[in-house]
PDB file of N, CA and C in Angstrom:
ATOM      1  N   UNK A   1      23.354  16.111  20.370  1.00  0.00           N
ATOM      2  CA  UNK A   1      24.619  16.619  19.915  1.00  0.00           C
ATOM      3  C   UNK A   1      24.368  17.597  18.772  1.00  0.00           C
ATOM      4  N   UNK A   2      25.000  18.734  18.827  1.00  0.00           N
ATOM      5  CA  UNK A   2      24.858  19.758  17.806  1.00  0.00           C
ATOM      6  C   UNK A   2      25.998  19.638  16.802  1.00  0.00           C
ATOM      7  N   UNK A   3      25.651  19.732  15.535  1.00  0.00           N
ATOM      8  CA  UNK A   3      26.670  19.661  14.491  1.00  0.00           C
ATOM      9  C   UNK A   3      27.535  20.917  14.540  1.00  0.00           C
ATOM     10  N   UNK A   4      28.828  20.767  14.257  1.00  0.00           N
ATOM     11  CA  UNK A   4      29.671  21.968  14.219  1.00  0.00           C
ATOM     12  C   UNK A   4      29.206  22.893  13.097  1.00  0.00           C
ATOM     13  N   UNK A   5      29.330  24.167  13.328  1.00  0.00           N
ATOM     14  CA  UNK A   5      28.930  25.203  12.379  1.00  0.00           C
ATOM     15  C   UNK A   5      27.427  25.254  12.137  1.00  0.00           C
ATOM     16  N   UNK A   6      26.643  24.611  12.970  1.00  0.00           N
ATOM     17  CA  UNK A   6      25.180  24.678  12.826  1.00  0.00           C
ATOM     18  C   UNK A   6      24.708  26.053  13.281  1.00  0.00           C
ATOM     19  N   UNK A   7      23.792  26.651  12.535  1.00  0.00           N
ATOM     20  CA  UNK A   7      23.302  27.971  12.949  1.00  0.00           C
ATOM     21  C   UNK A   7      22.525  27.863  14.251  1.00  0.00           C
ATOM     22  N   UNK A   8      22.649  28.868  15.062  1.00  0.00           N
ATOM     23  CA  UNK A   8      21.927  28.894  16.324  1.00  0.00           C
ATOM     24  C   UNK A   8      20.492  29.348  16.058  1.00  0.00           C
ATOM     25  N   UNK A   9      19.550  28.573  16.541  1.00  0.00           N
ATOM     26  CA  UNK A   9      18.137  28.891  16.349  1.00  0.00           C
ATOM     27  C   UNK A   9      17.641  29.578  17.606  1.00  0.00           C
ATOM     28  N   UNK A  10      16.992  30.697  17.415  1.00  0.00           N
ATOM     29  CA  UNK A  10      16.484  31.455  18.547  1.00  0.00           C
ATOM     30  C   UNK A  10      14.962  31.458  18.498  1.00  0.00           C
ATOM     31  N   UNK A  11      14.353  30.798  19.460  1.00  0.00           N
ATOM     32  CA  UNK A  11      12.893  30.733  19.563  1.00  0.00           C
ATOM     33  C   UNK A  11      12.510  31.179  20.966  1.00  0.00           C
ATOM     34  N   UNK A  12      11.530  32.071  21.050  1.00  0.00           N
ATOM     35  CA  UNK A  12      11.074  32.556  22.345  1.00  0.00           C
ATOM     36  C   UNK A  12       9.553  32.440  22.445  1.00  0.00           C
ATOM     37  N   UNK A  13       9.079  32.421  23.663  1.00  0.00           N
ATOM     38  CA  UNK A  13       7.636  32.458  23.931  1.00  0.00           C
ATOM     39  C   UNK A  13       7.320  33.814  24.543  1.00  0.00           C
ATOM     40  N   UNK A  14       6.295  34.440  24.036  1.00  0.00           N
ATOM     41  CA  UNK A  14       5.837  35.718  24.590  1.00  0.00           C
ATOM     42  C   UNK A  14       4.392  35.546  25.015  1.00  0.00           C
ATOM     43  N   UNK A  15       4.079  36.035  26.199  1.00  0.00           N
ATOM     44  CA  UNK A  15       2.720  35.895  26.734  1.00  0.00           C
ATOM     45  C   UNK A  15       2.162  37.243  27.126  1.00  0.00           C
ATOM     46  N   UNK A  16       0.846  37.371  26.962  1.00  0.00           N
ATOM     47  CA  UNK A  16       0.152  38.571  27.398  1.00  0.00           C
ATOM     48  C   UNK A  16      -1.293  38.187  27.666  1.00  0.00           C
ATOM     49  N   UNK A  17      -2.027  39.107  28.276  1.00  0.00           N
ATOM     50  CA  UNK A  17      -3.432  38.872  28.589  1.00  0.00           C
ATOM     51  C   UNK A  17      -4.291  39.786  27.737  1.00  0.00           C
ATOM     52  N   UNK A  18      -5.327  39.209  27.155  1.00  0.00           N
ATOM     53  CA  UNK A  18      -6.264  39.959  26.319  1.00  0.00           C
ATOM     54  C   UNK A  18      -7.674  39.493  26.649  1.00  0.00           C
ATOM     55  N   UNK A  19      -8.523  40.420  27.066  1.00  0.00           N
ATOM     56  CA  UNK A  19      -9.924  40.120  27.365  1.00  0.00           C
ATOM     57  C   UNK A  19     -10.066  38.948  28.347  1.00  0.00           C
ATOM     58  N   UNK A  20      -9.205  38.912  29.341  1.00  0.00           N
ATOM     59  CA  UNK A  20      -9.266  37.863  30.362  1.00  0.00           C
ATOM     60  C   UNK A  20      -8.697  36.529  29.924  1.00  0.00           C
ATOM     61  N   UNK A  21      -8.068  36.489  28.753  1.00  0.00           N
ATOM     62  CA  UNK A  21      -7.479  35.255  28.225  1.00  0.00           C
ATOM     63  C   UNK A  21      -5.953  35.369  28.229  1.00  0.00           C
ATOM     64  N   UNK A  22      -5.298  34.242  28.458  1.00  0.00           N
ATOM     65  CA  UNK A  22      -3.843  34.186  28.358  1.00  0.00           C
ATOM     66  C   UNK A  22      -3.483  33.830  26.922  1.00  0.00           C
ATOM     67  N   UNK A  23      -2.678  34.676  26.294  1.00  0.00           N
ATOM     68  CA  UNK A  23      -2.245  34.463  24.914  1.00  0.00           C
ATOM     69  C   UNK A  23      -0.737  34.221  24.939  1.00  0.00           C
ATOM     70  N   UNK A  24      -0.307  33.130  24.321  1.00  0.00           N
ATOM     71  CA  UNK A  24       1.114  32.813  24.235  1.00  0.00           C
ATOM     72  C   UNK A  24       1.484  32.610  22.779  1.00  0.00           C
ATOM     73  N   UNK A  25       2.497  33.341  22.324  1.00  0.00           N
ATOM     74  CA  UNK A  25       2.993  33.219  20.950  1.00  0.00           C
ATOM     75  C   UNK A  25       4.390  32.632  20.979  1.00  0.00           C
ATOM     76  N   UNK A  26       4.646  31.707  20.067  1.00  0.00           N
ATOM     77  CA  UNK A  26       5.973  31.138  19.897  1.00  0.00           C
ATOM     78  C   UNK A  26       6.577  31.809  18.664  1.00  0.00           C
ATOM     79  N   UNK A  27       7.711  32.479  18.871  1.00  0.00           N
ATOM     80  CA  UNK A  27       8.297  33.328  17.833  1.00  0.00           C
ATOM     81  C   UNK A  27       9.698  32.846  17.484  1.00  0.00           C
ATOM     82  N   UNK A  28       9.924  32.678  16.191  1.00  0.00           N
ATOM     83  CA  UNK A  28      11.234  32.301  15.669  1.00  0.00           C
ATOM     84  C   UNK A  28      12.003  33.569  15.334  1.00  0.00           C
ATOM     85  N   UNK A  29      13.265  33.612  15.704  1.00  0.00           N
ATOM     86  CA  UNK A  29      14.153  34.726  15.374  1.00  0.00           C
ATOM     87  C   UNK A  29      13.604  36.063  15.878  1.00  0.00           C
ATOM     88  N   UNK A  30      13.389  36.194  17.179  1.00  0.00           N
ATOM     89  CA  UNK A  30      12.754  37.398  17.717  1.00  0.00           C
ATOM     90  C   UNK A  30      13.550  38.691  17.511  1.00  0.00           C
ATOM     91  N   UNK A  31      14.842  38.589  17.319  1.00  0.00           N
ATOM     92  CA  UNK A  31      15.650  39.798  17.172  1.00  0.00           C
ATOM     93  C   UNK A  31      15.653  40.342  15.748  1.00  0.00           C
ATOM     94  N   UNK A  32      15.218  39.522  14.791  1.00  0.00           N
ATOM     95  CA  UNK A  32      15.312  39.960  13.404  1.00  0.00           C
ATOM     96  C   UNK A  32      13.967  39.832  12.697  1.00  0.00           C
ATOM     97  N   UNK A  33      13.663  38.680  12.156  1.00  0.00           N
ATOM     98  CA  UNK A  33      12.467  38.504  11.327  1.00  0.00           C
ATOM     99  C   UNK A  33      11.178  38.408  12.145  1.00  0.00           C
ATOM    100  N   UNK A  34      11.261  37.930  13.355  1.00  0.00           N
ATOM    101  CA  UNK A  34      10.116  37.774  14.251  1.00  0.00           C
ATOM    102  C   UNK A  34       8.964  37.036  13.579  1.00  0.00           C
ATOM    103  N   UNK A  35       9.238  35.856  13.103  1.00  0.00           N
ATOM    104  CA  UNK A  35       8.222  35.031  12.470  1.00  0.00           C
ATOM    105  C   UNK A  35       7.459  34.259  13.543  1.00  0.00           C
ATOM    106  N   UNK A  36       6.157  34.432  13.570  1.00  0.00           N
ATOM    107  CA  UNK A  36       5.331  33.742  14.554  1.00  0.00           C
ATOM    108  C   UNK A  36       5.063  32.333  14.055  1.00  0.00           C
ATOM    109  N   UNK A  37       5.453  31.349  14.854  1.00  0.00           N
ATOM    110  CA  UNK A  37       5.231  29.961  14.482  1.00  0.00           C
ATOM    111  C   UNK A  37       3.792  29.556  14.794  1.00  0.00           C
ATOM    112  N   UNK A  38       3.347  29.882  16.007  1.00  0.00           N
ATOM    113  CA  UNK A  38       1.960  29.609  16.406  1.00  0.00           C
ATOM    114  C   UNK A  38       1.685  30.296  17.727  1.00  0.00           C
ATOM    115  N   UNK A  39       0.434  30.292  18.105  1.00  0.00           N
ATOM    116  CA  UNK A  39       0.042  30.858  19.390  1.00  0.00           C
ATOM    117  C   UNK A  39      -1.127  30.082  19.960  1.00  0.00           C
ATOM    118  N   UNK A  40      -1.302  30.190  21.258  1.00  0.00           N
ATOM    119  CA  UNK A  40      -2.426  29.544  21.921  1.00  0.00           C
ATOM    120  C   UNK A  40      -3.160  30.568  22.778  1.00  0.00           C
ATOM    121  N   UNK A  41      -4.449  30.310  22.982  1.00  0.00           N
ATOM    122  CA  UNK A  41      -5.268  31.155  23.836  1.00  0.00           C
ATOM    123  C   UNK A  41      -5.982  30.254  24.839  1.00  0.00           C
ATOM    124  N   UNK A  42      -5.849  30.597  26.114  1.00  0.00           N
ATOM    125  CA  UNK A  42      -6.551  29.872  27.170  1.00  0.00           C
ATOM    126  C   UNK A  42      -7.358  30.850  28.013  1.00  0.00           C
ATOM    127  N   UNK A  43      -8.420  30.348  28.590  1.00  0.00           N
ATOM    128  CA  UNK A  43      -9.220  31.145  29.520  1.00  0.00           C
ATOM    129  C   UNK A  43      -9.472  30.283  30.740  1.00  0.00           C
ATOM    130  N   UNK A  44      -9.080  30.801  31.897  1.00  0.00           N
ATOM    131  CA  UNK A  44      -9.193  30.058  33.156  1.00  0.00           C
ATOM    132  C   UNK A  44      -8.537  28.687  33.054  1.00  0.00           C
ATOM    133  N   UNK A  45      -7.402  28.623  32.354  1.00  0.00           N
ATOM    134  CA  UNK A  45      -6.642  27.392  32.235  1.00  0.00           C
ATOM    135  C   UNK A  45      -7.171  26.404  31.217  1.00  0.00           C
ATOM    136  N   UNK A  46      -8.226  26.762  30.485  1.00  0.00           N
ATOM    137  CA  UNK A  46      -8.823  25.875  29.488  1.00  0.00           C
ATOM    138  C   UNK A  46      -8.518  26.415  28.094  1.00  0.00           C
ATOM    139  N   UNK A  47      -8.095  25.525  27.206  1.00  0.00           N
ATOM    140  CA  UNK A  47      -7.760  25.935  25.847  1.00  0.00           C
ATOM    141  C   UNK A  47      -8.994  26.437  25.118  1.00  0.00           C
ATOM    142  N   UNK A  48      -8.890  27.648  24.554  1.00  0.00           N
ATOM    143  CA  UNK A  48      -9.929  28.208  23.690  1.00  0.00           C
ATOM    144  C   UNK A  48      -9.632  27.785  22.257  1.00  0.00           C
ATOM    145  N   UNK A  49      -8.378  27.908  21.856  1.00  0.00           N
ATOM    146  CA  UNK A  49      -7.943  27.539  20.519  1.00  0.00           C
ATOM    147  C   UNK A  49      -6.523  27.992  20.278  1.00  0.00           C
ATOM    148  N   UNK A  50      -6.079  27.757  19.060  1.00  0.00           N
ATOM    149  CA  UNK A  50      -4.727  28.163  18.694  1.00  0.00           C
ATOM    150  C   UNK A  50      -4.759  28.782  17.297  1.00  0.00           C
ATOM    151  N   UNK A  51      -3.671  29.409  16.940  1.00  0.00           N
ATOM    152  CA  UNK A  51      -3.564  30.030  15.621  1.00  0.00           C
ATOM    153  C   UNK A  51      -2.150  29.826  15.113  1.00  0.00           C
ATOM    154  N   UNK A  52      -2.035  29.828  13.804  1.00  0.00           N
ATOM    155  CA  UNK A  52      -0.722  29.707  13.185  1.00  0.00           C
ATOM    156  C   UNK A  52      -0.751  30.347  11.806  1.00  0.00           C
ATOM    157  N   UNK A  53       0.416  30.598  11.292  1.00  0.00           N
ATOM    158  CA  UNK A  53       0.561  31.235   9.992  1.00  0.00           C
ATOM    159  C   UNK A  53       1.040  30.182   9.000  1.00  0.00           C
ATOM    160  N   UNK A  54       0.229  29.906   7.977  1.00  0.00           N
ATOM    161  CA  UNK A  54       0.596  28.904   6.980  1.00  0.00           C
ATOM    162  C   UNK A  54       1.742  29.390   6.095  1.00  0.00           C
ATOM    163  N   UNK A  55       1.896  30.687   5.936  1.00  0.00           N
ATOM    164  CA  UNK A  55       2.990  31.256   5.146  1.00  0.00           C
ATOM    165  C   UNK A  55       3.837  32.113   6.086  1.00  0.00           C
ATOM    166  N   UNK A  56       4.741  31.452   6.806  1.00  0.00           N
ATOM    167  CA  UNK A  56       5.533  32.146   7.827  1.00  0.00           C
ATOM    168  C   UNK A  56       6.451  33.207   7.240  1.00  0.00           C
ATOM    169  N   UNK A  57       6.961  32.989   6.048  1.00  0.00           N
ATOM    170  CA  UNK A  57       7.889  33.952   5.449  1.00  0.00           C
ATOM    171  C   UNK A  57       7.199  35.290   5.226  1.00  0.00           C
ATOM    172  N   UNK A  58       6.009  35.273   4.668  1.00  0.00           N
ATOM    173  CA  UNK A  58       5.272  36.506   4.373  1.00  0.00           C
ATOM    174  C   UNK A  58       4.324  36.903   5.504  1.00  0.00           C
ATOM    175  N   UNK A  59       4.206  36.020   6.515  1.00  0.00           N
ATOM    176  CA  UNK A  59       3.313  36.248   7.661  1.00  0.00           C
ATOM    177  C   UNK A  59       1.883  36.538   7.201  1.00  0.00           C
ATOM    178  N   UNK A  60       1.360  35.642   6.346  1.00  0.00           N
ATOM    179  CA  UNK A  60      -0.026  35.749   5.900  1.00  0.00           C
ATOM    180  C   UNK A  60      -0.612  34.342   5.779  1.00  0.00           C
ATOM    181  N   UNK A  61      -1.874  34.265   5.479  1.00  0.00           N
ATOM    182  CA  UNK A  61      -2.606  33.005   5.411  1.00  0.00           C
ATOM    183  C   UNK A  61      -2.714  32.384   6.807  1.00  0.00           C
ATOM    184  N   UNK A  62      -3.330  33.136   7.700  1.00  0.00           N
ATOM    185  CA  UNK A  62      -3.488  32.715   9.089  1.00  0.00           C
ATOM    186  C   UNK A  62      -4.629  31.729   9.233  1.00  0.00           C
ATOM    187  N   UNK A  63      -4.492  30.824  10.189  1.00  0.00           N
ATOM    188  CA  UNK A  63      -5.490  29.795  10.465  1.00  0.00           C
ATOM    189  C   UNK A  63      -5.789  29.783  11.960  1.00  0.00           C
ATOM    190  N   UNK A  64      -7.007  29.404  12.285  1.00  0.00           N
ATOM    191  CA  UNK A  64      -7.417  29.236  13.678  1.00  0.00           C
ATOM    192  C   UNK A  64      -7.904  27.810  13.848  1.00  0.00           C
ATOM    193  N   UNK A  65      -7.447  27.161  14.903  1.00  0.00           N
ATOM    194  CA  UNK A  65      -7.885  25.810  15.247  1.00  0.00           C
ATOM    195  C   UNK A  65      -8.591  25.889  16.600  1.00  0.00           C
ATOM    196  N   UNK A  66      -9.805  25.358  16.651  1.00  0.00           N
ATOM    197  CA  UNK A  66     -10.576  25.406  17.893  1.00  0.00           C
ATOM    198  C   UNK A  66     -10.051  24.375  18.881  1.00  0.00           C
ATOM    199  N   UNK A  67     -10.514  24.465  20.101  1.00  0.00           N
ATOM    200  CA  UNK A  67     -10.061  23.558  21.156  1.00  0.00           C
ATOM    201  C   UNK A  67     -10.370  22.095  20.832  1.00  0.00           C
ATOM    202  N   UNK A  68     -11.380  21.844  20.005  1.00  0.00           N
ATOM    203  CA  UNK A  68     -11.701  20.461  19.645  1.00  0.00           C
ATOM    204  C   UNK A  68     -10.876  19.949  18.461  1.00  0.00           C
ATOM    205  N   UNK A  69      -9.928  20.764  17.974  1.00  0.00           N
ATOM    206  CA  UNK A  69      -8.996  20.328  16.945  1.00  0.00           C
ATOM    207  C   UNK A  69      -9.426  20.575  15.514  1.00  0.00           C
ATOM    208  N   UNK A  70     -10.495  21.317  15.306  1.00  0.00           N
ATOM    209  CA  UNK A  70     -10.978  21.590  13.960  1.00  0.00           C
ATOM    210  C   UNK A  70     -10.631  23.014  13.531  1.00  0.00           C
ATOM    211  N   UNK A  71     -10.419  23.176  12.223  1.00  0.00           N
ATOM    212  CA  UNK A  71     -10.241  24.533  11.696  1.00  0.00           C
ATOM    213  C   UNK A  71     -11.521  25.316  11.933  1.00  0.00           C
ATOM    214  N   UNK A  72     -11.381  26.561  12.356  1.00  0.00           N
ATOM    215  CA  UNK A  72     -12.547  27.401  12.602  1.00  0.00           C
ATOM    216  C   UNK A  72     -13.205  27.748  11.278  1.00  0.00           C
ATOM    217  N   UNK A  73     -14.508  27.492  11.187  1.00  0.00           N
ATOM    218  CA  UNK A  73     -15.269  27.789   9.976  1.00  0.00           C
ATOM    219  C   UNK A  73     -16.628  28.341  10.379  1.00  0.00           C
ATOM    220  N   UNK A  74     -17.206  29.128   9.494  1.00  0.00           N
ATOM    221  CA  UNK A  74     -18.560  29.619   9.685  1.00  0.00           C
ATOM    222  C   UNK A  74     -19.328  29.285   8.418  1.00  0.00           C
ATOM    223  N   UNK A  75     -20.427  28.596   8.588  1.00  0.00           N
ATOM    224  CA  UNK A  75     -21.251  28.139   7.460  1.00  0.00           C
ATOM    225  C   UNK A  75     -20.421  27.377   6.431  1.00  0.00           C
ATOM    226  N   UNK A  76     -19.477  26.564   6.910  1.00  0.00           N
ATOM    227  CA  UNK A  76     -18.661  25.737   6.031  1.00  0.00           C
ATOM    228  C   UNK A  76     -17.479  26.431   5.392  1.00  0.00           C
ATOM    229  N   UNK A  77     -17.322  27.730   5.618  1.00  0.00           N
ATOM    230  CA  UNK A  77     -16.215  28.494   5.041  1.00  0.00           C
ATOM    231  C   UNK A  77     -15.163  28.743   6.118  1.00  0.00           C
ATOM    232  N   UNK A  78     -13.907  28.352   5.859  1.00  0.00           N
ATOM    233  CA  UNK A  78     -12.860  28.578   6.858  1.00  0.00           C
ATOM    234  C   UNK A  78     -12.687  30.067   7.173  1.00  0.00           C
ATOM    235  N   UNK A  79     -12.474  30.368   8.437  1.00  0.00           N
ATOM    236  CA  UNK A  79     -12.191  31.740   8.875  1.00  0.00           C
ATOM    237  C   UNK A  79     -10.691  31.952   8.714  1.00  0.00           C
ATOM    238  N   UNK A  80     -10.301  32.968   7.950  1.00  0.00           N
ATOM    239  CA  UNK A  80      -8.899  33.265   7.694  1.00  0.00           C
ATOM    240  C   UNK A  80      -8.583  34.697   8.127  1.00  0.00           C
ATOM    241  N   UNK A  81      -8.096  34.871   9.357  1.00  0.00           N
ATOM    242  CA  UNK A  81      -7.748  36.211   9.825  1.00  0.00           C
ATOM    243  C   UNK A  81      -6.629  36.820   8.979  1.00  0.00           C
ATOM    244  N   UNK A  82      -6.594  38.139   8.945  1.00  0.00           N
ATOM    245  CA  UNK A  82      -5.570  38.842   8.159  1.00  0.00           C
ATOM    246  C   UNK A  82      -4.188  38.790   8.792  1.00  0.00           C
ATOM    247  N   UNK A  83      -4.146  38.712  10.125  1.00  0.00           N
ATOM    248  CA  UNK A  83      -2.875  38.765  10.825  1.00  0.00           C
ATOM    249  C   UNK A  83      -3.029  38.153  12.212  1.00  0.00           C
ATOM    250  N   UNK A  84      -1.926  38.117  12.954  1.00  0.00           N
ATOM    251  CA  UNK A  84      -1.964  37.544  14.305  1.00  0.00           C
ATOM    252  C   UNK A  84      -2.961  38.287  15.186  1.00  0.00           C
ATOM    253  N   UNK A  85      -2.971  39.605  15.116  1.00  0.00           N
ATOM    254  CA  UNK A  85      -3.878  40.390  15.950  1.00  0.00           C
ATOM    255  C   UNK A  85      -5.333  40.031  15.711  1.00  0.00           C
ATOM    256  N   UNK A  86      -5.698  39.831  14.455  1.00  0.00           N
ATOM    257  CA  UNK A  86      -7.072  39.447  14.127  1.00  0.00           C
ATOM    258  C   UNK A  86      -7.401  38.060  14.672  1.00  0.00           C
ATOM    259  N   UNK A  87      -6.454  37.144  14.583  1.00  0.00           N
ATOM    260  CA  UNK A  87      -6.660  35.794  15.126  1.00  0.00           C
ATOM    261  C   UNK A  87      -6.870  35.857  16.639  1.00  0.00           C
ATOM    262  N   UNK A  88      -6.082  36.674  17.308  1.00  0.00           N
ATOM    263  CA  UNK A  88      -6.222  36.814  18.766  1.00  0.00           C
ATOM    264  C   UNK A  88      -7.588  37.406  19.114  1.00  0.00           C
ATOM    265  N   UNK A  89      -8.032  38.394  18.352  1.00  0.00           N
ATOM    266  CA  UNK A  89      -9.352  38.991  18.624  1.00  0.00           C
ATOM    267  C   UNK A  89     -10.457  37.949  18.475  1.00  0.00           C
ATOM    268  N   UNK A  90     -10.395  37.155  17.418  1.00  0.00           N
ATOM    269  CA  UNK A  90     -11.417  36.109  17.226  1.00  0.00           C
ATOM    270  C   UNK A  90     -11.408  35.143  18.405  1.00  0.00           C
ATOM    271  N   UNK A  91     -10.235  34.707  18.812  1.00  0.00           N
ATOM    272  CA  UNK A  91     -10.142  33.730  19.895  1.00  0.00           C
ATOM    273  C   UNK A  91     -10.530  34.305  21.249  1.00  0.00           C
ATOM    274  N   UNK A  92     -10.200  35.557  21.504  1.00  0.00           N
ATOM    275  CA  UNK A  92     -10.441  36.120  22.845  1.00  0.00           C
ATOM    276  C   UNK A  92     -11.797  36.795  22.999  1.00  0.00           C
ATOM    277  N   UNK A  93     -12.441  37.153  21.896  1.00  0.00           N
ATOM    278  CA  UNK A  93     -13.734  37.829  22.029  1.00  0.00           C
ATOM    279  C   UNK A  93     -14.891  37.017  21.475  1.00  0.00           C
ATOM    280  N   UNK A  94     -14.695  36.392  20.316  1.00  0.00           N
ATOM    281  CA  UNK A  94     -15.803  35.662  19.703  1.00  0.00           C
ATOM    282  C   UNK A  94     -15.921  34.249  20.274  1.00  0.00           C
ATOM    283  N   UNK A  95     -14.822  33.504  20.319  1.00  0.00           N
ATOM    284  CA  UNK A  95     -14.910  32.119  20.779  1.00  0.00           C
ATOM    285  C   UNK A  95     -15.097  31.993  22.283  1.00  0.00           C
ATOM    286  N   UNK A  96     -14.944  33.065  23.012  1.00  0.00           N
ATOM    287  CA  UNK A  96     -15.189  33.011  24.458  1.00  0.00           C
ATOM    288  C   UNK A  96     -16.607  33.460  24.808  1.00  0.00           C
ATOM    289  N   UNK A  97     -17.395  33.788  23.793  1.00  0.00           N
ATOM    290  CA  UNK A  97     -18.795  34.198  24.010  1.00  0.00           C
ATOM    291  C   UNK A  97     -19.614  32.963  24.405  1.00  0.00           C
ATOM    292  N   UNK A  98     -20.807  33.180  24.933  1.00  0.00           N
ATOM    293  CA  UNK A  98     -21.688  32.036  25.214  1.00  0.00           C
ATOM    294  C   UNK A  98     -21.895  31.219  23.938  1.00  0.00           C
ATOM    295  N   UNK A  99     -21.930  29.874  24.072  1.00  0.00           N
ATOM    296  CA  UNK A  99     -22.014  28.952  22.924  1.00  0.00           C
ATOM    297  C   UNK A  99     -23.066  29.354  21.901  1.00  0.00           C
ATOM    298  N   UNK A 100     -24.242  29.770  22.366  1.00  0.00           N
ATOM    299  CA  UNK A 100     -25.329  30.075  21.441  1.00  0.00           C
ATOM    300  C   UNK A 100     -25.090  31.360  20.637  1.00  0.00           C
ATOM    301  N   UNK A 101     -24.091  32.158  21.005  1.00  0.00           N
ATOM    302  CA  UNK A 101     -23.804  33.404  20.291  1.00  0.00           C
ATOM    303  C   UNK A 101     -22.614  33.308  19.341  1.00  0.00           C
ATOM    304  N   UNK A 102     -21.804  32.260  19.448  1.00  0.00           N
ATOM    305  CA  UNK A 102     -20.550  32.186  18.693  1.00  0.00           C
ATOM    306  C   UNK A 102     -20.782  32.229  17.188  1.00  0.00           C
ATOM    307  N   UNK A 103     -21.665  31.390  16.666  1.00  0.00           N
ATOM    308  CA  UNK A 103     -21.875  31.357  15.211  1.00  0.00           C
ATOM    309  C   UNK A 103     -22.339  32.704  14.671  1.00  0.00           C
ATOM    310  N   UNK A 104     -23.267  33.338  15.378  1.00  0.00           N
ATOM    311  CA  UNK A 104     -23.762  34.628  14.893  1.00  0.00           C
ATOM    312  C   UNK A 104     -22.665  35.693  14.958  1.00  0.00           C
ATOM    313  N   UNK A 105     -21.873  35.683  16.008  1.00  0.00           N
ATOM    314  CA  UNK A 105     -20.766  36.645  16.099  1.00  0.00           C
ATOM    315  C   UNK A 105     -19.759  36.437  14.972  1.00  0.00           C
ATOM    316  N   UNK A 106     -19.482  35.162  14.643  1.00  0.00           N
ATOM    317  CA  UNK A 106     -18.580  34.883  13.528  1.00  0.00           C
ATOM    318  C   UNK A 106     -19.150  35.383  12.221  1.00  0.00           C
ATOM    319  N   UNK A 107     -20.445  35.157  11.996  1.00  0.00           N
ATOM    320  CA  UNK A 107     -21.077  35.654  10.780  1.00  0.00           C
ATOM    321  C   UNK A 107     -20.993  37.176  10.703  1.00  0.00           C
ATOM    322  N   UNK A 108     -21.300  37.832  11.812  1.00  0.00           N
ATOM    323  CA  UNK A 108     -21.254  39.291  11.844  1.00  0.00           C
ATOM    324  C   UNK A 108     -19.846  39.825  11.549  1.00  0.00           C
ATOM    325  N   UNK A 109     -18.837  39.131  12.065  1.00  0.00           N
ATOM    326  CA  UNK A 109     -17.460  39.588  11.904  1.00  0.00           C
ATOM    327  C   UNK A 109     -16.903  39.290  10.511  1.00  0.00           C
ATOM    328  N   UNK A 110     -17.442  38.291   9.833  1.00  0.00           N
ATOM    329  CA  UNK A 110     -16.853  37.892   8.551  1.00  0.00           C
ATOM    330  C   UNK A 110     -17.683  38.298   7.347  1.00  0.00           C
ATOM    331  N   UNK A 111     -18.860  38.822   7.551  1.00  0.00           N
ATOM    332  CA  UNK A 111     -19.712  39.232   6.430  1.00  0.00           C
ATOM    333  C   UNK A 111     -19.683  40.743   6.309  1.00  0.00           C
ATOM    334  N   UNK A 112     -19.592  41.240   5.086  1.00  0.00           N
ATOM    335  CA  UNK A 112     -19.629  42.706   4.925  1.00  0.00           C
ATOM    336  C   UNK A 112     -20.982  43.262   5.360  1.00  0.00           C
ATOM    337  N   UNK A 113     -20.953  44.431   5.960  1.00  0.00           N
ATOM    338  CA  UNK A 113     -22.211  45.044   6.404  1.00  0.00           C
ATOM    339  C   UNK A 113     -22.968  45.553   5.174  1.00  0.00           C
ATOM    340  N   UNK A 114     -24.273  45.497   5.253  1.00  0.00           N
ATOM    341  CA  UNK A 114     -25.145  45.834   4.119  1.00  0.00           C
ATOM    342  C   UNK A 114     -25.476  47.301   4.114  1.00  0.00           C
TER     343      UNK A 114
END
């Protein structure tokens, strides 16, 4: 039962394909603020990981959670993408690499070049 005068909440799912992966984003208020609540990435029907924004109002402080339920980290340091696009790139290109290459790719992507 909905309370009278309750604001209508508009949440939509948007899906697209990136690098052979299915990406689905859950978006609050798509017509106005377009705040991303979270997203998931799958490849061949298997979860690669998910991402979410810890500060939805400012759309910053992004986090990535791997398929095994852990925050993505490299050498003990959490990986914090700058935005949704960066999180999607990490999930669709780095985490889908062969297992033995993932850590090195993460290091390369998160360390400044010398």
